Amino acid sequence: MGLNVKDLYKKKENHSNMSVPWTAVILSVLPISELRGGIPLAICSGASWLNAFMICAFFNMLIIVPIFFFLEYFNKYLLKIPSYKRFFERKVENARRKAKPDVDRYGYLGLAVFVGIPLPFTGAYTGTLAAWVFGMDKRKAFLAIALGVLIAGVIVTAVSGLGIESLRIFVKNVC
């Protein structure tokens, strides 16, 4: 008599293809899951592939600006703490120095590709952090990160949708 996770996301009888559950939206904005969690959940919950992609990608893109603000605002205050300042100078400056040739070489396109690969630690959060660490122009970085989110969204949607459909050959009720 345990809690079955599938029961939490069961389709309702009159579930509309137009809606995406809030849990999928929340997963799309969490740094650990982002689109890799939101889109599959939305599709399994009965949303169409297109709606799952559009809504989850939109909310994932919304977090870029607050992350930039958070990094700028709080870093100014945290630098007043000596231990944080030493850590920041040592780690961040070291990362900047090591990766500078690659950033100069690939720039915003490299940032878009980095964010567009739907693997752990390559989403909008990490892309925004990287753009901030390397001092990239925020507007251009936003566009590159948004492009990367769209690329990742297309990949995750295709893999999720096709994977779910192909499993239905073997299992009657996959989601």
C-alpha atoms as a PDB file:
ATOM      1  CA  MET A   1       0.000   0.000   0.000  1.00  0.00           C
ATOM      2  CA  GLY A   2       2.552   2.587  -1.051  1.00  0.00           C
ATOM      3  CA  LEU A   3       2.319   5.754  -3.041  1.00  0.00           C
ATOM      4  CA  ASN A   4       2.622   5.108  -6.751  1.00  0.00           C
ATOM      5  CA  VAL A   5       4.194   8.099  -8.494  1.00  0.00           C
ATOM      6  CA  LYS A   6       2.258   7.311 -11.676  1.00  0.00           C
ATOM      7  CA  ASP A   7      -1.002   7.842  -9.768  1.00  0.00           C
ATOM      8  CA  LEU A   8      -0.035  11.472  -9.162  1.00  0.00           C
ATOM      9  CA  TYR A   9      -0.009  12.182 -12.883  1.00  0.00           C
ATOM     10  CA  LYS A  10      -2.904  10.077 -14.158  1.00  0.00           C
ATOM     11  CA  LYS A  11      -4.821  11.562 -17.021  1.00  0.00           C
ATOM     12  CA  LYS A  12      -8.222  12.925 -16.254  1.00  0.00           C
ATOM     13  CA  GLU A  13     -11.129  11.852 -18.409  1.00  0.00           C
ATOM     14  CA  ASN A  14     -11.595  15.285 -19.963  1.00  0.00           C
ATOM     15  CA  HIS A  15      -7.944  16.342 -19.928  1.00  0.00           C
ATOM     16  CA  SER A  16      -7.370  18.838 -22.709  1.00  0.00           C
ATOM     17  CA  ASN A  17      -4.453  18.540 -25.127  1.00  0.00           C
ATOM     18  CA  MET A  18      -4.033  22.285 -24.641  1.00  0.00           C
ATOM     19  CA  SER A  19      -3.054  22.155 -20.986  1.00  0.00           C
ATOM     20  CA  VAL A  20       0.273  21.377 -19.375  1.00  0.00           C
ATOM     21  CA  PRO A  21       0.259  20.478 -15.664  1.00  0.00           C
ATOM     22  CA  TRP A  22       1.830  22.960 -13.263  1.00  0.00           C
ATOM     23  CA  THR A  23       4.168  20.233 -12.042  1.00  0.00           C
ATOM     24  CA  ALA A  24       5.710  20.154 -15.535  1.00  0.00           C
ATOM     25  CA  VAL A  25       6.091  23.941 -15.501  1.00  0.00           C
ATOM     26  CA  ILE A  26       7.726  23.795 -12.067  1.00  0.00           C
ATOM     27  CA  LEU A  27      10.125  21.076 -13.220  1.00  0.00           C
ATOM     28  CA  SER A  28      10.998  23.257 -16.220  1.00  0.00           C
ATOM     29  CA  VAL A  29      12.239  26.066 -13.997  1.00  0.00           C
ATOM     30  CA  LEU A  30      14.098  23.952 -11.440  1.00  0.00           C
ATOM     31  CA  PRO A  31      17.863  23.869 -12.010  1.00  0.00           C
ATOM     32  CA  ILE A  32      18.170  20.112 -11.537  1.00  0.00           C
ATOM     33  CA  SER A  33      15.573  19.083 -14.109  1.00  0.00           C
ATOM     34  CA  GLU A  34      14.732  22.003 -16.423  1.00  0.00           C
ATOM     35  CA  LEU A  35      13.336  20.780 -19.760  1.00  0.00           C
ATOM     36  CA  ARG A  36      14.596  17.227 -19.214  1.00  0.00           C
ATOM     37  CA  GLY A  37      11.970  16.865 -16.481  1.00  0.00           C
ATOM     38  CA  GLY A  38       9.182  19.185 -17.572  1.00  0.00           C
ATOM     39  CA  ILE A  39       8.591  18.086 -21.149  1.00  0.00           C
ATOM     40  CA  PRO A  40       8.396  14.318 -20.522  1.00  0.00           C
ATOM     41  CA  LEU A  41       6.033  14.884 -17.603  1.00  0.00           C
ATOM     42  CA  ALA A  42       3.819  17.157 -19.701  1.00  0.00           C
ATOM     43  CA  ILE A  43       3.664  14.625 -22.539  1.00  0.00           C
ATOM     44  CA  CYS A  44       2.937  11.762 -20.117  1.00  0.00           C
ATOM     45  CA  SER A  45       0.196  13.898 -18.589  1.00  0.00           C
ATOM     46  CA  GLY A  46      -1.580  14.136 -21.917  1.00  0.00           C
ATOM     47  CA  ALA A  47      -0.329  17.429 -23.326  1.00  0.00           C
ATOM     48  CA  SER A  48       0.462  17.525 -27.022  1.00  0.00           C
ATOM     49  CA  TRP A  49       4.123  17.523 -28.015  1.00  0.00           C
ATOM     50  CA  LEU A  50       3.844  21.090 -29.284  1.00  0.00           C
ATOM     51  CA  ASN A  51       2.210  22.450 -26.145  1.00  0.00           C
ATOM     52  CA  ALA A  52       4.634  20.610 -23.884  1.00  0.00           C
ATOM     53  CA  PHE A  53       7.545  22.092 -25.835  1.00  0.00           C
ATOM     54  CA  MET A  54       6.197  25.646 -26.064  1.00  0.00           C
ATOM     55  CA  ILE A  55       5.100  26.040 -22.459  1.00  0.00           C
ATOM     56  CA  CYS A  56       8.051  24.304 -20.812  1.00  0.00           C
ATOM     57  CA  ALA A  57      10.603  26.094 -23.024  1.00  0.00           C
ATOM     58  CA  PHE A  58       8.918  29.464 -22.393  1.00  0.00           C
ATOM     59  CA  PHE A  59       9.072  29.062 -18.626  1.00  0.00           C
ATOM     60  CA  ASN A  60      12.633  27.768 -18.805  1.00  0.00           C
ATOM     61  CA  MET A  61      13.623  30.919 -20.719  1.00  0.00           C
ATOM     62  CA  LEU A  62      11.936  33.138 -18.130  1.00  0.00           C
ATOM     63  CA  ILE A  63      14.546  32.231 -15.524  1.00  0.00           C
ATOM     64  CA  ILE A  64      17.489  33.666 -17.473  1.00  0.00           C
ATOM     65  CA  VAL A  65      16.966  37.327 -16.510  1.00  0.00           C
ATOM     66  CA  PRO A  66      16.396  36.696 -12.773  1.00  0.00           C
ATOM     67  CA  ILE A  67      19.550  34.572 -12.671  1.00  0.00           C
ATOM     68  CA  PHE A  68      21.593  37.387 -14.229  1.00  0.00           C
ATOM     69  CA  PHE A  69      20.104  39.812 -11.716  1.00  0.00           C
ATOM     70  CA  PHE A  70      20.745  37.453  -8.815  1.00  0.00           C
ATOM     71  CA  LEU A  71      24.377  36.934  -9.828  1.00  0.00           C
ATOM     72  CA  GLU A  72      25.056  40.646 -10.310  1.00  0.00           C
ATOM     73  CA  TYR A  73      23.257  41.847  -7.219  1.00  0.00           C
ATOM     74  CA  PHE A  74      24.345  39.271  -4.684  1.00  0.00           C
ATOM     75  CA  ASN A  75      27.908  38.962  -5.902  1.00  0.00           C
ATOM     76  CA  LYS A  76      28.499  42.645  -5.123  1.00  0.00           C
ATOM     77  CA  TYR A  77      27.523  42.052  -1.519  1.00  0.00           C
ATOM     78  CA  LEU A  78      29.162  38.681  -1.146  1.00  0.00           C
ATOM     79  CA  LEU A  79      32.510  40.090  -2.317  1.00  0.00           C
ATOM     80  CA  LYS A  80      32.587  42.064   0.935  1.00  0.00           C
ATOM     81  CA  ILE A  81      33.055  38.763   2.793  1.00  0.00           C
ATOM     82  CA  PRO A  82      36.796  37.974   2.777  1.00  0.00           C
ATOM     83  CA  SER A  83      36.455  34.179   2.499  1.00  0.00           C
ATOM     84  CA  TYR A  84      33.979  34.477  -0.376  1.00  0.00           C
ATOM     85  CA  LYS A  85      36.187  37.034  -2.113  1.00  0.00           C
ATOM     86  CA  ARG A  86      39.213  34.707  -1.896  1.00  0.00           C
ATOM     87  CA  PHE A  87      37.157  31.777  -3.174  1.00  0.00           C
ATOM     88  CA  PHE A  88      35.660  33.858  -5.977  1.00  0.00           C
ATOM     89  CA  GLU A  89      38.973  35.276  -7.086  1.00  0.00           C
ATOM     90  CA  ARG A  90      40.693  31.908  -7.001  1.00  0.00           C
ATOM     91  CA  LYS A  91      38.017  29.729  -8.634  1.00  0.00           C
ATOM     92  CA  VAL A  92      36.272  32.106 -10.982  1.00  0.00           C
ATOM     93  CA  GLU A  93      39.387  33.866 -12.202  1.00  0.00           C
ATOM     94  CA  ASN A  94      41.050  30.484 -12.742  1.00  0.00           C
ATOM     95  CA  ALA A  95      38.043  29.312 -14.788  1.00  0.00           C
ATOM     96  CA  ARG A  96      38.060  32.539 -16.778  1.00  0.00           C
ATOM     97  CA  ARG A  97      41.747  32.217 -17.559  1.00  0.00           C
ATOM     98  CA  LYS A  98      41.500  28.547 -18.614  1.00  0.00           C
ATOM     99  CA  ALA A  99      38.370  28.877 -20.738  1.00  0.00           C
ATOM    100  CA  LYS A 100      39.023  32.305 -22.240  1.00  0.00           C
ATOM    101  CA  PRO A 101      40.498  30.932 -25.504  1.00  0.00           C
ATOM    102  CA  ASP A 102      37.427  28.729 -26.034  1.00  0.00           C
ATOM    103  CA  VAL A 103      35.018  31.540 -25.170  1.00  0.00           C
ATOM    104  CA  ASP A 104      36.832  33.877 -27.553  1.00  0.00           C
ATOM    105  CA  ARG A 105      36.822  31.197 -30.240  1.00  0.00           C
ATOM    106  CA  TYR A 106      33.204  29.990 -30.030  1.00  0.00           C
ATOM    107  CA  GLY A 107      31.489  32.925 -28.301  1.00  0.00           C
ATOM    108  CA  TYR A 108      27.714  33.117 -28.297  1.00  0.00           C
ATOM    109  CA  LEU A 109      27.266  30.243 -30.735  1.00  0.00           C
ATOM    110  CA  GLY A 110      29.254  28.022 -28.378  1.00  0.00           C
ATOM    111  CA  LEU A 111      27.035  29.166 -25.519  1.00  0.00           C
ATOM    112  CA  ALA A 112      23.900  28.274 -27.495  1.00  0.00           C
ATOM    113  CA  VAL A 113      25.272  24.819 -28.348  1.00  0.00           C
ATOM    114  CA  PHE A 114      26.357  24.246 -24.734  1.00  0.00           C
ATOM    115  CA  VAL A 115      22.863  25.059 -23.448  1.00  0.00           C
ATOM    116  CA  GLY A 116      21.244  23.144 -26.315  1.00  0.00           C
ATOM    117  CA  ILE A 117      22.783  19.814 -25.333  1.00  0.00           C
ATOM    118  CA  PRO A 118      20.207  18.350 -22.931  1.00  0.00           C
ATOM    119  CA  LEU A 119      22.607  16.788 -20.439  1.00  0.00           C
ATOM    120  CA  PRO A 120      22.927  17.445 -16.709  1.00  0.00           C
ATOM    121  CA  PHE A 121      24.537  20.817 -15.958  1.00  0.00           C
ATOM    122  CA  THR A 122      24.124  22.197 -19.483  1.00  0.00           C
ATOM    123  CA  GLY A 123      20.831  24.104 -19.230  1.00  0.00           C
ATOM    124  CA  ALA A 124      19.755  27.713 -18.874  1.00  0.00           C
ATOM    125  CA  TYR A 125      21.089  28.012 -15.318  1.00  0.00           C
ATOM    126  CA  THR A 126      24.607  26.865 -16.196  1.00  0.00           C
ATOM    127  CA  GLY A 127      24.601  28.826 -19.451  1.00  0.00           C
ATOM    128  CA  THR A 128      23.624  32.003 -17.628  1.00  0.00           C
ATOM    129  CA  LEU A 129      26.282  31.395 -14.979  1.00  0.00           C
ATOM    130  CA  ALA A 130      28.901  30.825 -17.701  1.00  0.00           C
ATOM    131  CA  ALA A 131      27.874  33.993 -19.576  1.00  0.00           C
ATOM    132  CA  TRP A 132      28.112  35.977 -16.337  1.00  0.00           C
ATOM    133  CA  VAL A 133      31.476  34.495 -15.335  1.00  0.00           C
ATOM    134  CA  PHE A 134      32.964  35.272 -18.753  1.00  0.00           C
ATOM    135  CA  GLY A 135      31.506  38.781 -18.844  1.00  0.00           C
ATOM    136  CA  MET A 136      29.470  38.244 -21.987  1.00  0.00           C
ATOM    137  CA  ASP A 137      27.007  40.901 -23.105  1.00  0.00           C
ATOM    138  CA  LYS A 138      23.733  40.111 -21.329  1.00  0.00           C
ATOM    139  CA  ARG A 139      21.437  40.755 -24.284  1.00  0.00           C
ATOM    140  CA  LYS A 140      23.466  38.649 -26.684  1.00  0.00           C
ATOM    141  CA  ALA A 141      23.901  35.970 -24.025  1.00  0.00           C
ATOM    142  CA  PHE A 142      20.150  35.945 -23.386  1.00  0.00           C
ATOM    143  CA  LEU A 143      19.504  35.337 -27.089  1.00  0.00           C
ATOM    144  CA  ALA A 144      22.140  32.587 -27.241  1.00  0.00           C
ATOM    145  CA  ILE A 145      20.795  30.898 -24.101  1.00  0.00           C
ATOM    146  CA  ALA A 146      17.216  31.179 -25.380  1.00  0.00           C
ATOM    147  CA  LEU A 147      18.298  29.597 -28.667  1.00  0.00           C
ATOM    148  CA  GLY A 148      19.990  26.831 -26.680  1.00  0.00           C
ATOM    149  CA  VAL A 149      16.797  26.285 -24.659  1.00  0.00           C
ATOM    150  CA  LEU A 150      14.841  25.944 -27.919  1.00  0.00           C
ATOM    151  CA  ILE A 151      17.367  23.447 -29.288  1.00  0.00           C
ATOM    152  CA  ALA A 152      17.291  21.420 -26.061  1.00  0.00           C
ATOM    153  CA  GLY A 153      13.500  21.615 -26.044  1.00  0.00           C
ATOM    154  CA  VAL A 154      13.248  20.193 -29.558  1.00  0.00           C
ATOM    155  CA  ILE A 155      15.633  17.355 -28.684  1.00  0.00           C
ATOM    156  CA  VAL A 156      13.899  16.501 -25.388  1.00  0.00           C
ATOM    157  CA  THR A 157      10.447  16.704 -26.985  1.00  0.00           C
ATOM    158  CA  ALA A 158      11.444  14.429 -29.852  1.00  0.00           C
ATOM    159  CA  VAL A 159      13.186  11.886 -27.636  1.00  0.00           C
ATOM    160  CA  SER A 160      10.379  11.921 -25.052  1.00  0.00           C
ATOM    161  CA  GLY A 161       7.538  11.756 -27.537  1.00  0.00           C
ATOM    162  CA  LEU A 162       9.129   9.111 -29.738  1.00  0.00           C
ATOM    163  CA  GLY A 163      10.271   7.101 -26.729  1.00  0.00           C
ATOM    164  CA  ILE A 164       6.815   7.098 -25.190  1.00  0.00           C
ATOM    165  CA  GLU A 165       5.169   6.189 -28.490  1.00  0.00           C
ATOM    166  CA  SER A 166       7.640   3.387 -29.187  1.00  0.00           C
ATOM    167  CA  LEU A 167       7.133   1.916 -25.710  1.00  0.00           C
ATOM    168  CA  ARG A 168       3.396   1.771 -26.380  1.00  0.00           C
ATOM    169  CA  ILE A 169       4.139  -1.006 -28.876  1.00  0.00           C
ATOM    170  CA  PHE A 170       5.123  -3.219 -25.941  1.00  0.00           C
ATOM    171  CA  VAL A 171       3.197  -1.757 -23.022  1.00  0.00           C
ATOM    172  CA  LYS A 172      -0.425  -0.687 -23.279  1.00  0.00           C
ATOM    173  CA  ASN A 173      -0.316   2.170 -20.751  1.00  0.00           C
ATOM    174  CA  VAL A 174       3.157   3.727 -20.674  1.00  0.00           C
ATOM    175  CA  CYS A 175       2.207   6.977 -18.967  1.00  0.00           C
END
